[in-house]
Amino acid sequence: MEYENNMRDALALAQDAALAGDVPVGCVVLDAEGAVIGRGRNRREEMADATAHAEIEAIREACRARGDWRLDGCTLVVTLEPCPMCTGAIINSRLSTVVYGAREPEFGSCGSVVDLFFERYGHHPRVYGGVLAEESAALLRAFFREKR
């Protein structure tokens, strides 16, 4: 699939999160030409901030890079299926495409628990799940195994 290299970039950010003691989730935002304009990783523990998710960080950086809150034409690539908060940020920022790695059975809002993109919101991005899913899931399993 065409997003595997971008997912590898997100996985590197997820690894950075794990090394810093945060749940290993990484994210990149690509412009319409495929250039990375936003990067993020989980920093909830580091910042003591419940909203410091990888997607939020990457969306904020992409908005600054574009000089606009609208990210239409852009693609978000994240190692773990987005939660409700991040799915809301995706809808509000008008991202055109979402690509995720592993499914999130407890909080996943792109189909695992609920699919917020099928609700009656005014924006419905294309969604592709399962890109390098095993690599993403293995990183999460290793992190939590070490924590226990």
C-alpha atoms as a PDB file:
ATOM      1  CA  MET A   1       0.000   0.000   0.000  1.00  0.00           C
ATOM      2  CA  GLU A   2       1.169   3.512  -0.707  1.00  0.00           C
ATOM      3  CA  TYR A   3       1.109   4.632   2.945  1.00  0.00           C
ATOM      4  CA  GLU A   4       3.524   2.041   4.355  1.00  0.00           C
ATOM      5  CA  ASN A   5       6.534   4.402   4.309  1.00  0.00           C
ATOM      6  CA  ASN A   6       4.505   7.101   6.046  1.00  0.00           C
ATOM      7  CA  MET A   7       3.354   4.557   8.623  1.00  0.00           C
ATOM      8  CA  ARG A   8       7.002   3.682   9.250  1.00  0.00           C
ATOM      9  CA  ASP A   9       7.600   7.378  10.016  1.00  0.00           C
ATOM     10  CA  ALA A  10       4.671   7.280  12.443  1.00  0.00           C
ATOM     11  CA  LEU A  11       6.047   4.087  14.010  1.00  0.00           C
ATOM     12  CA  ALA A  12       9.380   5.835  14.633  1.00  0.00           C
ATOM     13  CA  LEU A  13       7.505   8.585  16.474  1.00  0.00           C
ATOM     14  CA  ALA A  14       5.594   5.927  18.432  1.00  0.00           C
ATOM     15  CA  GLN A  15       8.908   4.386  19.460  1.00  0.00           C
ATOM     16  CA  ASP A  16      10.032   7.821  20.688  1.00  0.00           C
ATOM     17  CA  ALA A  17       6.863   8.026  22.781  1.00  0.00           C
ATOM     18  CA  ALA A  18       7.587   4.615  24.327  1.00  0.00           C
ATOM     19  CA  LEU A  19      11.153   5.617  25.171  1.00  0.00           C
ATOM     20  CA  ALA A  20       9.755   8.681  26.950  1.00  0.00           C
ATOM     21  CA  GLY A  21       7.320   6.517  28.957  1.00  0.00           C
ATOM     22  CA  ASP A  22       4.186   7.304  26.945  1.00  0.00           C
ATOM     23  CA  VAL A  23       1.898   4.868  25.158  1.00  0.00           C
ATOM     24  CA  PRO A  24       3.577   4.308  21.780  1.00  0.00           C
ATOM     25  CA  VAL A  25       1.403   6.104  19.273  1.00  0.00           C
ATOM     26  CA  GLY A  26       2.843   8.210  16.472  1.00  0.00           C
ATOM     27  CA  CYS A  27       1.245  10.254  13.725  1.00  0.00           C
ATOM     28  CA  VAL A  28       2.131  12.228  10.610  1.00  0.00           C
ATOM     29  CA  VAL A  29       0.001  14.527   8.465  1.00  0.00           C
ATOM     30  CA  LEU A  30       0.713  14.694   4.744  1.00  0.00           C
ATOM     31  CA  ASP A  31      -0.225  17.479   2.365  1.00  0.00           C
ATOM     32  CA  ALA A  32      -1.886  16.731  -0.976  1.00  0.00           C
ATOM     33  CA  GLU A  33       1.527  16.087  -2.568  1.00  0.00           C
ATOM     34  CA  GLY A  34       2.521  13.618   0.163  1.00  0.00           C
ATOM     35  CA  ALA A  35       4.974  15.847   2.038  1.00  0.00           C
ATOM     36  CA  VAL A  36       4.929  15.584   5.836  1.00  0.00           C
ATOM     37  CA  ILE A  37       3.597  18.846   7.296  1.00  0.00           C
ATOM     38  CA  GLY A  38       2.787  17.615  10.800  1.00  0.00           C
ATOM     39  CA  ARG A  39       4.274  15.137  13.244  1.00  0.00           C
ATOM     40  CA  GLY A  40       3.131  14.035  16.654  1.00  0.00           C
ATOM     41  CA  ARG A  41       3.517  11.409  19.317  1.00  0.00           C
ATOM     42  CA  ASN A  42       1.733  10.692  22.547  1.00  0.00           C
ATOM     43  CA  ARG A  43       2.924  12.993  25.338  1.00  0.00           C
ATOM     44  CA  ARG A  44       0.173  12.540  27.953  1.00  0.00           C
ATOM     45  CA  GLU A  45       2.561  11.415  30.674  1.00  0.00           C
ATOM     46  CA  GLU A  46       5.304  13.849  29.701  1.00  0.00           C
ATOM     47  CA  MET A  47       2.958  16.851  29.668  1.00  0.00           C
ATOM     48  CA  ALA A  48       0.419  15.624  32.254  1.00  0.00           C
ATOM     49  CA  ASP A  49      -2.207  16.523  29.647  1.00  0.00           C
ATOM     50  CA  ALA A  50      -5.105  14.254  28.679  1.00  0.00           C
ATOM     51  CA  THR A  51      -5.301  15.931  25.261  1.00  0.00           C
ATOM     52  CA  ALA A  52      -1.633  15.357  24.338  1.00  0.00           C
ATOM     53  CA  HIS A  53      -2.385  12.622  21.804  1.00  0.00           C
ATOM     54  CA  ALA A  54      -0.253  12.029  18.714  1.00  0.00           C
ATOM     55  CA  GLU A  55      -3.040  13.053  16.335  1.00  0.00           C
ATOM     56  CA  ILE A  56      -3.706  16.344  18.127  1.00  0.00           C
ATOM     57  CA  GLU A  57      -0.017  17.212  18.077  1.00  0.00           C
ATOM     58  CA  ALA A  58       0.305  16.383  14.363  1.00  0.00           C
ATOM     59  CA  ILE A  59      -2.877  18.279  13.446  1.00  0.00           C
ATOM     60  CA  ARG A  60      -1.704  21.372  15.330  1.00  0.00           C
ATOM     61  CA  GLU A  61       1.669  21.316  13.570  1.00  0.00           C
ATOM     62  CA  ALA A  62       0.015  20.808  10.167  1.00  0.00           C
ATOM     63  CA  CYS A  63      -2.347  23.732  10.776  1.00  0.00           C
ATOM     64  CA  ARG A  64       0.617  25.952  11.661  1.00  0.00           C
ATOM     65  CA  ALA A  65       2.464  24.791   8.534  1.00  0.00           C
ATOM     66  CA  ARG A  66      -0.530  25.599   6.347  1.00  0.00           C
ATOM     67  CA  GLY A  67      -1.509  28.757   8.184  1.00  0.00           C
ATOM     68  CA  ASP A  68      -5.083  27.489   8.276  1.00  0.00           C
ATOM     69  CA  TRP A  69      -7.224  25.272  10.477  1.00  0.00           C
ATOM     70  CA  ARG A  70      -8.617  23.541   7.388  1.00  0.00           C
ATOM     71  CA  LEU A  71      -6.618  20.513   6.308  1.00  0.00           C
ATOM     72  CA  ASP A  72      -8.706  19.457   3.315  1.00  0.00           C
ATOM     73  CA  GLY A  73      -6.664  17.509   0.831  1.00  0.00           C
ATOM     74  CA  CYS A  74      -4.414  16.233   3.637  1.00  0.00           C
ATOM     75  CA  THR A  75      -3.955  12.717   5.011  1.00  0.00           C
ATOM     76  CA  LEU A  76      -3.440  11.708   8.641  1.00  0.00           C
ATOM     77  CA  VAL A  77      -1.394   8.526   9.183  1.00  0.00           C
ATOM     78  CA  VAL A  78      -1.450   7.156  12.748  1.00  0.00           C
ATOM     79  CA  THR A  79      -0.266   3.902  14.298  1.00  0.00           C
ATOM     80  CA  LEU A  80      -3.448   3.316  16.339  1.00  0.00           C
ATOM     81  CA  GLU A  81      -7.112   3.805  15.478  1.00  0.00           C
ATOM     82  CA  PRO A  82      -8.147   7.284  16.696  1.00  0.00           C
ATOM     83  CA  CYS A  83     -10.171   7.798  19.878  1.00  0.00           C
ATOM     84  CA  PRO A  84     -13.355   9.947  20.025  1.00  0.00           C
ATOM     85  CA  MET A  85     -11.409  13.140  20.830  1.00  0.00           C
ATOM     86  CA  CYS A  86      -9.000  12.663  17.928  1.00  0.00           C
ATOM     87  CA  THR A  87     -11.793  11.629  15.573  1.00  0.00           C
ATOM     88  CA  GLY A  88     -13.538  14.894  16.463  1.00  0.00           C
ATOM     89  CA  ALA A  89     -10.346  16.831  15.698  1.00  0.00           C
ATOM     90  CA  ILE A  90     -10.088  15.018  12.348  1.00  0.00           C
ATOM     91  CA  ILE A  91     -13.661  15.997  11.498  1.00  0.00           C
ATOM     92  CA  ASN A  92     -13.161  19.597  12.637  1.00  0.00           C
ATOM     93  CA  SER A  93      -9.916  20.033  10.717  1.00  0.00           C
ATOM     94  CA  ARG A  94     -11.500  18.616   7.540  1.00  0.00           C
ATOM     95  CA  LEU A  95      -8.750  16.046   6.902  1.00  0.00           C
ATOM     96  CA  SER A  96      -9.576  14.190   3.686  1.00  0.00           C
ATOM     97  CA  THR A  97      -8.080  10.801   4.514  1.00  0.00           C
ATOM     98  CA  VAL A  98      -7.268   8.823   7.661  1.00  0.00           C
ATOM     99  CA  VAL A  99      -4.893   5.863   7.609  1.00  0.00           C
ATOM    100  CA  TYR A 100      -4.357   3.867  10.791  1.00  0.00           C
ATOM    101  CA  GLY A 101      -2.382   0.806  11.828  1.00  0.00           C
ATOM    102  CA  ALA A 102      -3.761  -1.260  14.716  1.00  0.00           C
ATOM    103  CA  ARG A 103      -7.394  -1.335  15.787  1.00  0.00           C
ATOM    104  CA  GLU A 104      -8.229   0.039  19.246  1.00  0.00           C
ATOM    105  CA  PRO A 105     -10.844  -2.236  20.855  1.00  0.00           C
ATOM    106  CA  GLU A 106     -11.516   0.009  23.867  1.00  0.00           C
ATOM    107  CA  PHE A 107     -11.644   3.531  22.416  1.00  0.00           C
ATOM    108  CA  GLY A 108     -11.444   3.140  18.623  1.00  0.00           C
ATOM    109  CA  SER A 109     -13.838   5.509  16.921  1.00  0.00           C
ATOM    110  CA  CYS A 110     -13.306   4.496  13.291  1.00  0.00           C
ATOM    111  CA  GLY A 111     -15.216   1.229  13.641  1.00  0.00           C
ATOM    112  CA  SER A 112     -13.928  -0.746  16.626  1.00  0.00           C
ATOM    113  CA  VAL A 113     -16.280   0.738  19.247  1.00  0.00           C
ATOM    114  CA  VAL A 114     -18.166   3.238  17.116  1.00  0.00           C
ATOM    115  CA  ASP A 115     -17.590   4.851  13.740  1.00  0.00           C
ATOM    116  CA  LEU A 116     -17.974   8.575  14.267  1.00  0.00           C
ATOM    117  CA  PHE A 117     -17.281   9.195  10.595  1.00  0.00           C
ATOM    118  CA  PHE A 118     -20.656   7.616   9.731  1.00  0.00           C
ATOM    119  CA  GLU A 119     -22.566   9.954  12.020  1.00  0.00           C
ATOM    120  CA  ARG A 120     -24.355  13.023  10.676  1.00  0.00           C
ATOM    121  CA  TYR A 121     -21.385  15.366  10.977  1.00  0.00           C
ATOM    122  CA  GLY A 122     -20.661  17.599   8.017  1.00  0.00           C
ATOM    123  CA  HIS A 123     -17.404  15.886   7.105  1.00  0.00           C
ATOM    124  CA  HIS A 124     -16.631  12.271   6.184  1.00  0.00           C
ATOM    125  CA  PRO A 125     -12.990  11.413   5.411  1.00  0.00           C
ATOM    126  CA  ARG A 126     -11.873   8.270   3.610  1.00  0.00           C
ATOM    127  CA  VAL A 127     -10.566   5.735   6.128  1.00  0.00           C
ATOM    128  CA  TYR A 128      -8.053   2.931   5.603  1.00  0.00           C
ATOM    129  CA  GLY A 129      -7.218   0.695   8.549  1.00  0.00           C
ATOM    130  CA  GLY A 130      -4.721  -2.081   9.071  1.00  0.00           C
ATOM    131  CA  VAL A 131      -1.636  -0.514   7.456  1.00  0.00           C
ATOM    132  CA  LEU A 132       1.351  -2.176   9.173  1.00  0.00           C
ATOM    133  CA  ALA A 133      -1.124  -3.195  11.871  1.00  0.00           C
ATOM    134  CA  GLU A 134       1.030  -5.997  13.259  1.00  0.00           C
ATOM    135  CA  GLU A 135       4.041  -3.710  13.690  1.00  0.00           C
ATOM    136  CA  SER A 136       1.874  -1.148  15.470  1.00  0.00           C
ATOM    137  CA  ALA A 137       0.232  -3.762  17.699  1.00  0.00           C
ATOM    138  CA  ALA A 138       3.585  -5.394  18.532  1.00  0.00           C
ATOM    139  CA  LEU A 139       4.979  -2.063  19.714  1.00  0.00           C
ATOM    140  CA  LEU A 140       1.954  -1.552  21.967  1.00  0.00           C
ATOM    141  CA  ARG A 141       2.119  -5.114  23.335  1.00  0.00           C
ATOM    142  CA  ALA A 142       5.819  -4.757  24.154  1.00  0.00           C
ATOM    143  CA  PHE A 143       5.223  -1.433  25.898  1.00  0.00           C
ATOM    144  CA  PHE A 144       2.429  -2.766  28.113  1.00  0.00           C
ATOM    145  CA  ARG A 145       4.250  -6.040  28.805  1.00  0.00           C
ATOM    146  CA  GLU A 146       7.181  -3.994  30.133  1.00  0.00           C
ATOM    147  CA  LYS A 147       4.857  -1.813  32.244  1.00  0.00           C
ATOM    148  CA  ARG A 148       3.277  -4.827  33.963  1.00  0.00           C
END
